[in-house]
Amino acid sequence: MFVLSNRVLFNFFTHNNLSKNHFPIDDVVVSEEKIKTFITLFLADDLVAFFSLKLSKNDYDSFEELDWLLDLKDYLPEEAIYKMTSQVFSKLDFALSQMSAGGDTFSNIIYIKFKSFYDLLSHFRTVETDQKISQLLSLIIPYYEKKINVQFFTPVIQSMAYYNAFDENIKKTLDRNRAAVTVFTGEVGDNKPFAGVSVLIGIICAFLPLLVSKCS
């Protein structure tokens, strides 16, 4: 009954995409241990495969589906969570490697401008994830300051604020950056570098010493 009343699991089983309106508002009360045992025995491998497939699509809706799936994280076996964590970190590491390589086209990491990607990352927030997000921001800001592909990097900076950082100082920095680029969006046509964001990068580095060298 829990599977049939849960939107994510029902759609997974039936290969549908029914909206929340098709499901009861009140959750069915079932023992967490029973649900976890059921998923471990019958669903774990398929859910990991589903997770991997959706993650590879690199589109907003797929990441949003995975975000909903991870609302059920407490019911998933540790092995499945471990595999999902590894895949998400690989996605973030790939974005870091592409940004570090430089260039002027980032079509293969378009997902870093999606809010849903950072909602998904928030399910795996740790000190390490915070460091990776901070490193990504430190690589993005120079492009924004130099007005390189502003149409891409502005929504990236805005969406990064949806990452629910483990460190409150990083969360505040991401929120301030989002507000700053939103305010200055109308000024991207002039030749003035946006210095405000550079100051915020320094704040992140102060709280994450391991990244100082990357932000200098």
N, C-alpha and C. Protein backbone atom coordinates (compact mmCIF):
# COMPACT_ATOMS: atom_id res chain seq x y z
N MET A 1 0.82 -1.20 0.00
CA MET A 1 0.00 0.00 0.00
C MET A 1 0.86 1.27 0.00
N PHE A 2 1.97 1.22 0.72
CA PHE A 2 2.87 2.37 0.75
C PHE A 2 3.39 2.68 -0.64
N VAL A 3 3.80 1.63 -1.39
CA VAL A 3 4.33 1.82 -2.74
C VAL A 3 3.28 2.42 -3.66
N LEU A 4 2.03 1.94 -3.55
CA LEU A 4 0.96 2.43 -4.42
C LEU A 4 0.55 3.86 -4.09
N SER A 5 0.75 4.27 -2.86
CA SER A 5 0.35 5.61 -2.45
C SER A 5 1.49 6.63 -2.56
N ASN A 6 2.70 6.15 -2.84
CA ASN A 6 3.85 7.04 -2.95
C ASN A 6 4.09 7.37 -4.43
N ARG A 7 4.09 8.65 -4.74
CA ARG A 7 4.19 9.09 -6.13
C ARG A 7 5.44 8.58 -6.83
N VAL A 8 6.58 8.72 -6.18
CA VAL A 8 7.85 8.35 -6.80
C VAL A 8 7.90 6.85 -7.09
N LEU A 9 7.56 6.04 -6.09
CA LEU A 9 7.64 4.59 -6.27
C LEU A 9 6.57 4.09 -7.24
N PHE A 10 5.38 4.68 -7.18
CA PHE A 10 4.32 4.26 -8.10
C PHE A 10 4.73 4.54 -9.54
N ASN A 11 5.22 5.75 -9.80
CA ASN A 11 5.66 6.09 -11.16
C ASN A 11 6.82 5.22 -11.61
N PHE A 12 7.70 4.88 -10.66
CA PHE A 12 8.84 4.01 -10.99
C PHE A 12 8.35 2.63 -11.43
N PHE A 13 7.40 2.06 -10.69
CA PHE A 13 6.89 0.74 -11.01
C PHE A 13 6.09 0.72 -12.31
N THR A 14 5.29 1.75 -12.53
CA THR A 14 4.35 1.74 -13.66
C THR A 14 4.87 2.48 -14.88
N HIS A 15 6.06 3.08 -14.76
CA HIS A 15 6.65 3.87 -15.86
C HIS A 15 5.73 5.01 -16.28
N ASN A 16 5.04 5.60 -15.30
CA ASN A 16 4.20 6.76 -15.52
C ASN A 16 4.89 8.00 -14.95
N ASN A 17 4.21 9.12 -15.12
CA ASN A 17 4.70 10.35 -14.51
C ASN A 17 3.50 11.13 -13.97
N LEU A 18 2.72 10.46 -13.12
CA LEU A 18 1.52 11.08 -12.57
C LEU A 18 1.90 12.19 -11.59
N SER A 19 1.08 13.21 -11.56
CA SER A 19 1.34 14.34 -10.67
C SER A 19 0.91 14.03 -9.25
N LYS A 20 1.23 14.93 -8.34
CA LYS A 20 0.87 14.75 -6.93
C LYS A 20 -0.63 14.69 -6.72
N ASN A 21 -1.39 15.28 -7.64
CA ASN A 21 -2.84 15.33 -7.50
C ASN A 21 -3.49 13.96 -7.54
N HIS A 22 -2.76 12.96 -8.07
CA HIS A 22 -3.30 11.61 -8.18
C HIS A 22 -3.10 10.79 -6.91
N PHE A 23 -2.49 11.38 -5.90
CA PHE A 23 -2.13 10.62 -4.70
C PHE A 23 -2.71 11.29 -3.46
N PRO A 24 -3.02 10.49 -2.45
CA PRO A 24 -3.59 11.06 -1.22
C PRO A 24 -2.62 11.99 -0.52
N ILE A 25 -3.17 12.99 0.14
CA ILE A 25 -2.34 13.95 0.87
C ILE A 25 -1.67 13.30 2.06
N ASP A 26 -2.41 12.48 2.78
CA ASP A 26 -1.87 11.82 3.96
C ASP A 26 -1.06 10.60 3.59
N ASP A 27 0.14 10.50 4.10
CA ASP A 27 0.98 9.33 3.85
C ASP A 27 0.42 8.12 4.57
N VAL A 28 0.58 6.97 3.94
CA VAL A 28 0.18 5.73 4.58
C VAL A 28 1.22 5.39 5.65
N VAL A 29 0.75 5.09 6.85
CA VAL A 29 1.66 4.80 7.95
C VAL A 29 2.10 3.33 7.88
N VAL A 30 3.37 3.13 7.61
CA VAL A 30 3.93 1.79 7.54
C VAL A 30 5.26 1.81 8.29
N SER A 31 5.60 0.70 8.92
CA SER A 31 6.86 0.60 9.64
C SER A 31 8.03 0.91 8.71
N GLU A 32 8.89 1.82 9.14
CA GLU A 32 10.06 2.18 8.34
C GLU A 32 10.92 0.95 8.06
N GLU A 33 11.06 0.08 9.05
CA GLU A 33 11.88 -1.11 8.90
C GLU A 33 11.30 -2.05 7.84
N LYS A 34 9.98 -2.17 7.80
CA LYS A 34 9.33 -3.04 6.81
C LYS A 34 9.53 -2.50 5.40
N ILE A 35 9.40 -1.19 5.26
CA ILE A 35 9.60 -0.59 3.94
C ILE A 35 11.04 -0.78 3.48
N LYS A 36 11.98 -0.56 4.40
CA LYS A 36 13.39 -0.69 4.07
C LYS A 36 13.72 -2.13 3.68
N THR A 37 13.16 -3.08 4.38
CA THR A 37 13.39 -4.49 4.07
C THR A 37 12.83 -4.83 2.70
N PHE A 38 11.61 -4.34 2.41
CA PHE A 38 10.98 -4.59 1.11
C PHE A 38 11.84 -4.03 -0.02
N ILE A 39 12.28 -2.78 0.14
CA ILE A 39 13.10 -2.15 -0.90
C ILE A 39 14.43 -2.88 -1.07
N THR A 40 15.03 -3.29 0.03
CA THR A 40 16.31 -4.01 -0.04
C THR A 40 16.16 -5.31 -0.80
N LEU A 41 15.07 -6.03 -0.55
CA LEU A 41 14.86 -7.34 -1.17
C LEU A 41 14.45 -7.25 -2.64
N PHE A 42 13.62 -6.26 -2.98
CA PHE A 42 13.00 -6.27 -4.30
C PHE A 42 13.30 -5.06 -5.19
N LEU A 43 13.78 -3.97 -4.63
CA LEU A 43 13.86 -2.76 -5.43
C LEU A 43 15.24 -2.12 -5.52
N ALA A 44 16.13 -2.44 -4.60
CA ALA A 44 17.39 -1.69 -4.48
C ALA A 44 18.17 -1.60 -5.80
N ASP A 45 18.41 -2.72 -6.44
CA ASP A 45 19.21 -2.72 -7.68
C ASP A 45 18.53 -1.91 -8.78
N ASP A 46 17.21 -2.08 -8.91
CA ASP A 46 16.47 -1.35 -9.94
C ASP A 46 16.46 0.14 -9.67
N LEU A 47 16.36 0.52 -8.40
CA LEU A 47 16.36 1.94 -8.06
C LEU A 47 17.72 2.58 -8.35
N VAL A 48 18.79 1.84 -8.09
CA VAL A 48 20.13 2.36 -8.39
C VAL A 48 20.31 2.51 -9.90
N ALA A 49 19.80 1.54 -10.67
CA ALA A 49 19.87 1.62 -12.13
C ALA A 49 19.04 2.80 -12.65
N PHE A 50 17.86 2.98 -12.06
CA PHE A 50 17.00 4.11 -12.40
C PHE A 50 17.71 5.42 -12.08
N PHE A 51 18.34 5.48 -10.95
CA PHE A 51 19.09 6.67 -10.52
C PHE A 51 20.19 7.00 -11.52
N SER A 52 20.93 5.98 -11.91
CA SER A 52 22.04 6.16 -12.85
C SER A 52 21.54 6.67 -14.20
N LEU A 53 20.42 6.10 -14.67
CA LEU A 53 19.85 6.49 -15.96
C LEU A 53 19.40 7.95 -15.94
N LYS A 54 18.68 8.31 -14.91
CA LYS A 54 18.18 9.68 -14.81
C LYS A 54 19.32 10.69 -14.67
N LEU A 55 20.34 10.31 -13.91
CA LEU A 55 21.48 11.19 -13.70
C LEU A 55 22.22 11.46 -15.01
N SER A 56 22.22 10.47 -15.89
CA SER A 56 22.95 10.60 -17.15
C SER A 56 22.24 11.50 -18.16
N LYS A 57 20.96 11.79 -17.92
CA LYS A 57 20.18 12.57 -18.88
C LYS A 57 20.52 14.07 -18.86
N ASN A 58 21.05 14.52 -17.73
CA ASN A 58 21.52 15.92 -17.63
C ASN A 58 20.44 16.96 -17.88
N ASP A 59 19.18 16.65 -17.57
CA ASP A 59 18.13 17.65 -17.73
C ASP A 59 17.45 17.95 -16.41
N TYR A 60 16.80 19.08 -16.38
CA TYR A 60 16.19 19.58 -15.14
C TYR A 60 15.21 18.57 -14.55
N ASP A 61 14.30 18.06 -15.38
CA ASP A 61 13.25 17.18 -14.88
C ASP A 61 13.80 15.88 -14.29
N SER A 62 14.86 15.35 -14.90
CA SER A 62 15.44 14.10 -14.40
C SER A 62 16.05 14.30 -13.02
N PHE A 63 16.76 15.41 -12.83
CA PHE A 63 17.33 15.69 -11.51
C PHE A 63 16.23 15.93 -10.48
N GLU A 64 15.14 16.54 -10.93
CA GLU A 64 14.03 16.79 -10.00
C GLU A 64 13.41 15.47 -9.55
N GLU A 65 13.28 14.53 -10.47
CA GLU A 65 12.76 13.20 -10.10
C GLU A 65 13.65 12.52 -9.06
N LEU A 66 14.96 12.65 -9.24
CA LEU A 66 15.89 12.04 -8.29
C LEU A 66 15.83 12.74 -6.94
N ASP A 67 15.59 14.03 -6.95
CA ASP A 67 15.41 14.77 -5.70
C ASP A 67 14.21 14.22 -4.95
N TRP A 68 13.13 13.97 -5.67
CA TRP A 68 11.93 13.39 -5.03
C TRP A 68 12.21 11.98 -4.52
N LEU A 69 12.95 11.22 -5.32
CA LEU A 69 13.28 9.86 -4.90
C LEU A 69 14.06 9.89 -3.58
N LEU A 70 14.97 10.82 -3.46
CA LEU A 70 15.82 10.87 -2.26
C LEU A 70 15.10 11.44 -1.04
N ASP A 71 13.88 11.92 -1.23
CA ASP A 71 13.05 12.22 -0.08
C ASP A 71 12.73 10.94 0.70
N LEU A 72 12.93 9.80 0.02
CA LEU A 72 12.70 8.48 0.64
C LEU A 72 14.01 7.86 1.13
N LYS A 73 15.05 8.69 1.24
CA LYS A 73 16.38 8.16 1.53
C LYS A 73 16.42 7.31 2.80
N ASP A 74 15.60 7.65 3.78
CA ASP A 74 15.59 6.90 5.05
C ASP A 74 15.15 5.45 4.85
N TYR A 75 14.45 5.20 3.75
CA TYR A 75 13.96 3.85 3.48
C TYR A 75 14.91 3.03 2.61
N LEU A 76 15.95 3.68 2.09
CA LEU A 76 16.85 3.00 1.17
C LEU A 76 18.00 2.33 1.92
N PRO A 77 18.45 1.15 1.44
CA PRO A 77 19.57 0.47 2.09
C PRO A 77 20.87 1.24 1.92
N GLU A 78 21.78 1.05 2.86
CA GLU A 78 23.04 1.80 2.87
C GLU A 78 23.84 1.58 1.58
N GLU A 79 23.82 0.36 1.07
CA GLU A 79 24.58 0.07 -0.15
C GLU A 79 24.08 0.89 -1.34
N ALA A 80 22.74 1.03 -1.43
CA ALA A 80 22.16 1.82 -2.51
C ALA A 80 22.54 3.29 -2.36
N ILE A 81 22.48 3.81 -1.14
CA ILE A 81 22.85 5.20 -0.88
C ILE A 81 24.31 5.43 -1.23
N TYR A 82 25.16 4.47 -0.89
CA TYR A 82 26.59 4.59 -1.19
C TYR A 82 26.81 4.71 -2.71
N LYS A 83 26.12 3.87 -3.48
CA LYS A 83 26.27 3.89 -4.94
C LYS A 83 25.75 5.20 -5.52
N MET A 84 24.63 5.67 -5.01
CA MET A 84 24.07 6.94 -5.49
C MET A 84 24.99 8.11 -5.16
N THR A 85 25.53 8.09 -3.95
CA THR A 85 26.46 9.14 -3.53
C THR A 85 27.67 9.20 -4.45
N SER A 86 28.21 8.04 -4.76
CA SER A 86 29.38 7.96 -5.64
C SER A 86 29.07 8.53 -7.02
N GLN A 87 27.88 8.24 -7.54
CA GLN A 87 27.49 8.73 -8.86
C GLN A 87 27.31 10.25 -8.87
N VAL A 88 26.70 10.78 -7.81
CA VAL A 88 26.48 12.22 -7.74
C VAL A 88 27.81 12.95 -7.60
N PHE A 89 28.70 12.42 -6.78
CA PHE A 89 30.02 13.03 -6.63
C PHE A 89 30.79 13.00 -7.95
N SER A 90 30.64 11.93 -8.70
CA SER A 90 31.30 11.84 -10.00
C SER A 90 30.78 12.94 -10.94
N LYS A 91 29.49 13.22 -10.83
CA LYS A 91 28.88 14.27 -11.65
C LYS A 91 29.47 15.63 -11.29
N LEU A 92 29.58 15.87 -10.01
CA LEU A 92 30.15 17.13 -9.55
C LEU A 92 31.64 17.23 -9.89
N ASP A 93 32.36 16.12 -9.74
CA ASP A 93 33.79 16.10 -10.07
C ASP A 93 34.01 16.35 -11.57
N PHE A 94 33.10 15.82 -12.39
CA PHE A 94 33.22 16.05 -13.83
C PHE A 94 33.06 17.53 -14.16
N ALA A 95 32.09 18.18 -13.50
CA ALA A 95 31.92 19.62 -13.72
C ALA A 95 33.17 20.38 -13.29
N LEU A 96 33.77 19.98 -12.18
CA LEU A 96 34.99 20.63 -11.71
C LEU A 96 36.13 20.45 -12.71
N SER A 97 36.24 19.25 -13.26
CA SER A 97 37.33 18.98 -14.21
C SER A 97 37.15 19.78 -15.49
N GLN A 98 35.90 19.91 -15.94
CA GLN A 98 35.62 20.67 -17.16
C GLN A 98 35.87 22.15 -16.95
N MET A 99 35.48 22.67 -15.80
CA MET A 99 35.73 24.07 -15.50
C MET A 99 37.23 24.34 -15.35
N SER A 100 37.94 23.40 -14.72
CA SER A 100 39.39 23.57 -14.53
C SER A 100 40.12 23.55 -15.86
N ALA A 101 39.58 22.81 -16.82
CA ALA A 101 40.23 22.71 -18.13
C ALA A 101 40.10 24.00 -18.93
N GLY A 102 39.16 24.85 -18.55
CA GLY A 102 38.96 26.11 -19.25
C GLY A 102 38.18 25.93 -20.54
N GLY A 103 38.25 26.91 -21.38
CA GLY A 103 37.50 26.87 -22.63
C GLY A 103 36.35 27.86 -22.57
N ASP A 104 35.58 27.92 -23.67
CA ASP A 104 34.47 28.87 -23.72
C ASP A 104 33.14 28.20 -24.02
N THR A 105 33.10 26.88 -23.99
CA THR A 105 31.83 26.18 -24.17
C THR A 105 31.69 25.11 -23.10
N PHE A 106 30.52 25.06 -22.53
CA PHE A 106 30.29 24.14 -21.41
C PHE A 106 28.99 23.37 -21.59
N SER A 107 28.69 23.01 -22.83
CA SER A 107 27.44 22.32 -23.13
C SER A 107 27.35 20.95 -22.46
N ASN A 108 28.52 20.35 -22.15
CA ASN A 108 28.49 19.03 -21.52
C ASN A 108 28.28 19.10 -20.01
N ILE A 109 28.27 20.31 -19.45
CA ILE A 109 27.97 20.45 -18.02
C ILE A 109 26.85 21.48 -17.84
N ILE A 110 25.92 21.50 -18.77
CA ILE A 110 24.82 22.45 -18.70
C ILE A 110 24.00 22.27 -17.43
N TYR A 111 24.08 21.07 -16.84
CA TYR A 111 23.29 20.77 -15.65
C TYR A 111 23.68 21.62 -14.44
N ILE A 112 24.86 22.25 -14.46
CA ILE A 112 25.25 23.05 -13.28
C ILE A 112 24.45 24.35 -13.17
N LYS A 113 23.62 24.64 -14.17
CA LYS A 113 22.79 25.84 -14.07
C LYS A 113 21.37 25.51 -13.62
N PHE A 114 21.12 24.22 -13.32
CA PHE A 114 19.78 23.81 -12.90
C PHE A 114 19.64 23.82 -11.38
N LYS A 115 18.62 24.45 -10.88
CA LYS A 115 18.30 24.42 -9.45
C LYS A 115 18.17 22.97 -8.97
N SER A 116 17.56 22.13 -9.78
CA SER A 116 17.30 20.74 -9.37
C SER A 116 18.58 19.96 -9.12
N PHE A 117 19.69 20.35 -9.78
CA PHE A 117 20.96 19.67 -9.54
C PHE A 117 21.45 19.95 -8.12
N TYR A 118 21.28 21.17 -7.65
CA TYR A 118 21.74 21.54 -6.31
C TYR A 118 20.77 21.03 -5.23
N ASP A 119 19.49 20.91 -5.58
CA ASP A 119 18.55 20.25 -4.67
C ASP A 119 18.98 18.80 -4.46
N LEU A 120 19.39 18.16 -5.55
CA LEU A 120 19.86 16.78 -5.48
C LEU A 120 21.13 16.67 -4.65
N LEU A 121 22.07 17.55 -4.89
CA LEU A 121 23.33 17.55 -4.14
C LEU A 121 23.10 17.73 -2.64
N SER A 122 22.06 18.46 -2.30
CA SER A 122 21.79 18.74 -0.89
C SER A 122 21.50 17.48 -0.08
N HIS A 123 21.05 16.43 -0.76
CA HIS A 123 20.80 15.16 -0.07
C HIS A 123 22.12 14.49 0.36
N PHE A 124 23.23 14.95 -0.20
CA PHE A 124 24.53 14.34 0.08
C PHE A 124 25.49 15.35 0.69
N ARG A 125 24.96 16.36 1.33
CA ARG A 125 25.80 17.44 1.85
C ARG A 125 26.70 16.94 2.97
N THR A 126 27.96 17.25 2.84
CA THR A 126 28.97 16.96 3.85
C THR A 126 29.99 18.09 3.77
N VAL A 127 30.99 18.06 4.63
CA VAL A 127 32.08 19.03 4.53
C VAL A 127 32.76 18.90 3.17
N GLU A 128 32.92 17.66 2.70
CA GLU A 128 33.57 17.44 1.41
C GLU A 128 32.74 18.04 0.27
N THR A 129 31.41 17.85 0.33
CA THR A 129 30.56 18.42 -0.71
C THR A 129 30.64 19.94 -0.70
N ASP A 130 30.65 20.52 0.51
CA ASP A 130 30.81 21.97 0.63
C ASP A 130 32.09 22.45 -0.05
N GLN A 131 33.18 21.72 0.16
CA GLN A 131 34.46 22.08 -0.44
C GLN A 131 34.40 22.04 -1.96
N LYS A 132 33.72 21.01 -2.48
CA LYS A 132 33.60 20.89 -3.94
C LYS A 132 32.75 22.02 -4.51
N ILE A 133 31.67 22.38 -3.82
CA ILE A 133 30.83 23.48 -4.27
C ILE A 133 31.61 24.79 -4.23
N SER A 134 32.38 24.99 -3.18
CA SER A 134 33.20 26.20 -3.06
C SER A 134 34.24 26.27 -4.17
N GLN A 135 34.83 25.12 -4.47
CA GLN A 135 35.81 25.07 -5.56
C GLN A 135 35.15 25.39 -6.89
N LEU A 136 33.95 24.85 -7.11
CA LEU A 136 33.23 25.12 -8.35
C LEU A 136 32.94 26.61 -8.48
N LEU A 137 32.50 27.23 -7.40
CA LEU A 137 32.21 28.65 -7.43
C LEU A 137 33.46 29.47 -7.73
N SER A 138 34.59 29.06 -7.15
CA SER A 138 35.84 29.79 -7.39
C SER A 138 36.28 29.70 -8.85
N LEU A 139 35.86 28.66 -9.54
CA LEU A 139 36.19 28.51 -10.96
C LEU A 139 35.21 29.28 -11.84
N ILE A 140 33.99 29.45 -11.36
CA ILE A 140 32.95 30.11 -12.14
C ILE A 140 33.08 31.63 -12.11
N ILE A 141 33.41 32.18 -10.95
CA ILE A 141 33.41 33.62 -10.76
C ILE A 141 34.28 34.37 -11.77
N PRO A 142 35.51 33.90 -12.08
CA PRO A 142 36.32 34.65 -13.07
C PRO A 142 35.62 34.80 -14.42
N TYR A 143 34.86 33.79 -14.84
CA TYR A 143 34.12 33.90 -16.10
C TYR A 143 33.07 34.99 -16.00
N TYR A 144 32.38 35.01 -14.87
CA TYR A 144 31.35 36.03 -14.69
C TYR A 144 31.96 37.43 -14.64
N GLU A 145 33.05 37.57 -13.93
CA GLU A 145 33.70 38.88 -13.81
C GLU A 145 34.17 39.41 -15.16
N LYS A 146 34.64 38.49 -16.01
CA LYS A 146 35.17 38.89 -17.32
C LYS A 146 34.08 38.96 -18.38
N LYS A 147 32.83 38.77 -17.94
CA LYS A 147 31.67 38.81 -18.85
C LYS A 147 31.76 37.75 -19.95
N ILE A 148 32.30 36.61 -19.61
CA ILE A 148 32.38 35.49 -20.56
C ILE A 148 31.17 34.59 -20.36
N ASN A 149 30.36 34.47 -21.40
CA ASN A 149 29.19 33.60 -21.36
C ASN A 149 28.32 33.89 -20.12
N VAL A 150 28.01 35.16 -19.93
CA VAL A 150 27.23 35.58 -18.77
C VAL A 150 25.85 34.92 -18.76
N GLN A 151 25.29 34.67 -19.95
CA GLN A 151 23.97 34.05 -20.05
C GLN A 151 23.96 32.65 -19.43
N PHE A 152 25.12 32.02 -19.40
CA PHE A 152 25.23 30.70 -18.78
C PHE A 152 25.58 30.81 -17.29
N PHE A 153 26.57 31.62 -16.99
CA PHE A 153 27.09 31.64 -15.62
C PHE A 153 26.21 32.40 -14.63
N THR A 154 25.40 33.32 -15.11
CA THR A 154 24.48 34.00 -14.20
C THR A 154 23.49 33.01 -13.59
N PRO A 155 22.78 32.19 -14.40
CA PRO A 155 21.89 31.21 -13.78
C PRO A 155 22.62 30.15 -12.96
N VAL A 156 23.89 29.87 -13.30
CA VAL A 156 24.66 28.93 -12.49
C VAL A 156 24.81 29.47 -11.08
N ILE A 157 25.25 30.72 -10.96
CA ILE A 157 25.45 31.33 -9.64
C ILE A 157 24.13 31.43 -8.89
N GLN A 158 23.06 31.77 -9.61
CA GLN A 158 21.75 31.86 -8.96
C GLN A 158 21.30 30.49 -8.45
N SER A 159 21.48 29.47 -9.24
CA SER A 159 21.02 28.13 -8.86
C SER A 159 21.85 27.52 -7.74
N MET A 160 23.12 27.87 -7.67
CA MET A 160 23.98 27.32 -6.62
C MET A 160 23.46 27.65 -5.22
N ALA A 161 22.68 28.71 -5.10
CA ALA A 161 22.14 29.11 -3.80
C ALA A 161 21.15 28.07 -3.26
N TYR A 162 20.69 27.16 -4.11
CA TYR A 162 19.76 26.13 -3.67
C TYR A 162 20.47 24.92 -3.06
N TYR A 163 21.79 24.94 -3.11
CA TYR A 163 22.54 23.91 -2.38
C TYR A 163 22.48 24.23 -0.90
N ASN A 164 21.98 23.30 -0.13
CA ASN A 164 21.81 23.50 1.32
C ASN A 164 23.11 23.12 2.02
N ALA A 165 24.04 24.06 2.07
CA ALA A 165 25.39 23.77 2.54
C ALA A 165 25.43 23.28 3.98
N PHE A 166 26.38 22.40 4.24
CA PHE A 166 26.63 21.90 5.59
C PHE A 166 27.13 23.03 6.48
N ASP A 167 27.96 23.91 5.91
CA ASP A 167 28.51 25.06 6.62
C ASP A 167 27.61 26.27 6.37
N GLU A 168 27.08 26.83 7.44
CA GLU A 168 26.14 27.96 7.33
C GLU A 168 26.78 29.15 6.64
N ASN A 169 28.07 29.37 6.81
CA ASN A 169 28.76 30.49 6.17
C ASN A 169 28.77 30.35 4.66
N ILE A 170 28.90 29.12 4.18
CA ILE A 170 28.88 28.89 2.74
C ILE A 170 27.47 29.14 2.20
N LYS A 171 26.48 28.67 2.94
CA LYS A 171 25.10 28.90 2.53
C LYS A 171 24.81 30.39 2.40
N LYS A 172 25.26 31.17 3.38
CA LYS A 172 25.05 32.62 3.34
C LYS A 172 25.76 33.24 2.15
N THR A 173 26.97 32.75 1.85
CA THR A 173 27.73 33.28 0.71
C THR A 173 27.02 32.99 -0.60
N LEU A 174 26.53 31.78 -0.75
CA LEU A 174 25.81 31.41 -1.97
C LEU A 174 24.56 32.26 -2.13
N ASP A 175 23.85 32.50 -1.04
CA ASP A 175 22.65 33.33 -1.09
C ASP A 175 22.99 34.77 -1.48
N ARG A 176 24.08 35.29 -0.92
CA ARG A 176 24.48 36.66 -1.23
C ARG A 176 24.94 36.78 -2.68
N ASN A 177 25.63 35.77 -3.17
CA ASN A 177 26.04 35.79 -4.57
C ASN A 177 24.82 35.79 -5.49
N ARG A 178 23.85 34.98 -5.14
CA ARG A 178 22.62 34.92 -5.95
C ARG A 178 21.95 36.28 -6.00
N ALA A 179 21.83 36.91 -4.85
CA ALA A 179 21.21 38.23 -4.80
C ALA A 179 22.02 39.24 -5.60
N ALA A 180 23.34 39.15 -5.50
CA ALA A 180 24.22 40.11 -6.18
C ALA A 180 24.10 40.01 -7.70
N VAL A 181 24.18 38.80 -8.23
CA VAL A 181 24.12 38.67 -9.70
C VAL A 181 22.72 38.98 -10.21
N THR A 182 21.72 38.75 -9.39
CA THR A 182 20.36 39.09 -9.80
C THR A 182 20.20 40.59 -9.90
N VAL A 183 20.74 41.32 -8.93
CA VAL A 183 20.69 42.78 -8.94
C VAL A 183 21.45 43.34 -10.13
N PHE A 184 22.61 42.73 -10.44
CA PHE A 184 23.49 43.27 -11.48
C PHE A 184 23.22 42.68 -12.87
N THR A 185 22.19 41.85 -12.98
CA THR A 185 21.90 41.23 -14.27
C THR A 185 21.69 42.27 -15.36
N GLY A 186 21.07 43.38 -14.99
CA GLY A 186 20.79 44.42 -15.98
C GLY A 186 22.01 45.22 -16.38
N GLU A 187 23.17 44.95 -15.77
CA GLU A 187 24.37 45.74 -16.06
C GLU A 187 25.43 44.94 -16.80
N VAL A 188 25.08 43.79 -17.33
CA VAL A 188 26.09 42.93 -17.95
C VAL A 188 26.64 43.54 -19.24
N GLY A 189 25.97 44.55 -19.77
CA GLY A 189 26.45 45.12 -21.02
C GLY A 189 27.59 46.11 -20.86
N ASP A 190 27.83 46.58 -19.62
CA ASP A 190 28.91 47.55 -19.47
C ASP A 190 30.26 46.84 -19.31
N ASN A 191 31.29 47.58 -19.12
CA ASN A 191 32.64 47.01 -19.05
C ASN A 191 33.18 46.92 -17.64
N LYS A 192 32.34 47.13 -16.65
CA LYS A 192 32.79 47.11 -15.27
C LYS A 192 32.82 45.68 -14.74
N PRO A 193 33.95 45.22 -14.22
CA PRO A 193 33.98 43.89 -13.61
C PRO A 193 33.15 43.88 -12.35
N PHE A 194 32.51 42.74 -12.04
CA PHE A 194 31.69 42.64 -10.84
C PHE A 194 32.56 42.22 -9.67
N ALA A 195 33.06 43.20 -8.93
CA ALA A 195 34.02 42.94 -7.85
C ALA A 195 33.37 42.36 -6.62
N GLY A 196 32.08 42.60 -6.40
CA GLY A 196 31.42 42.14 -5.19
C GLY A 196 31.52 40.65 -4.99
N VAL A 197 31.40 39.88 -6.08
CA VAL A 197 31.45 38.43 -5.96
C VAL A 197 32.85 37.97 -5.58
N SER A 198 33.88 38.65 -6.03
CA SER A 198 35.24 38.27 -5.67
C SER A 198 35.45 38.35 -4.16
N VAL A 199 34.87 39.34 -3.53
CA VAL A 199 34.98 39.48 -2.08
C VAL A 199 34.35 38.29 -1.39
N LEU A 200 33.20 37.85 -1.92
CA LEU A 200 32.51 36.71 -1.31
C LEU A 200 33.31 35.43 -1.46
N ILE A 201 34.01 35.28 -2.56
CA ILE A 201 34.87 34.12 -2.74
C ILE A 201 35.92 34.08 -1.64
N GLY A 202 36.47 35.22 -1.30
CA GLY A 202 37.44 35.27 -0.22
C GLY A 202 36.87 34.79 1.08
N ILE A 203 35.60 35.08 1.33
CA ILE A 203 34.94 34.64 2.55
C ILE A 203 34.87 33.12 2.58
N ILE A 204 34.52 32.53 1.46
CA ILE A 204 34.47 31.07 1.40
C ILE A 204 35.84 30.47 1.69
N CYS A 205 36.86 31.02 1.09
CA CYS A 205 38.20 30.48 1.30
C CYS A 205 38.65 30.60 2.74
N ALA A 206 38.24 31.64 3.41
CA ALA A 206 38.61 31.82 4.81
C ALA A 206 38.07 30.71 5.67
N PHE A 207 36.91 30.17 5.28
CA PHE A 207 36.30 29.12 6.08
C PHE A 207 36.69 27.73 5.61
N LEU A 208 37.30 27.66 4.42
CA LEU A 208 37.75 26.37 3.90
C LEU A 208 39.21 26.48 3.51
N PRO A 209 40.12 26.36 4.47
CA PRO A 209 41.57 26.56 4.19
C PRO A 209 42.09 25.69 3.07
N LEU A 210 41.52 24.52 2.88
CA LEU A 210 42.02 23.62 1.83
C LEU A 210 41.85 24.22 0.45
N LEU A 211 40.97 25.23 0.34
CA LEU A 211 40.70 25.78 -0.98
C LEU A 211 41.37 27.14 -1.22
N VAL A 212 42.13 27.59 -0.26
CA VAL A 212 42.74 28.92 -0.38
C VAL A 212 43.55 29.04 -1.66
N SER A 213 44.33 28.01 -1.95
CA SER A 213 45.19 28.07 -3.13
C SER A 213 44.39 28.14 -4.41
N LYS A 214 43.17 27.55 -4.39
CA LYS A 214 42.35 27.54 -5.59
C LYS A 214 41.66 28.87 -5.79
N CYS A 215 41.51 29.64 -4.70
CA CYS A 215 40.78 30.89 -4.80
C CYS A 215 41.69 32.08 -4.93
N SER A 216 43.00 31.86 -4.79
CA SER A 216 43.93 32.99 -4.83
C SER A 216 44.25 33.35 -6.27
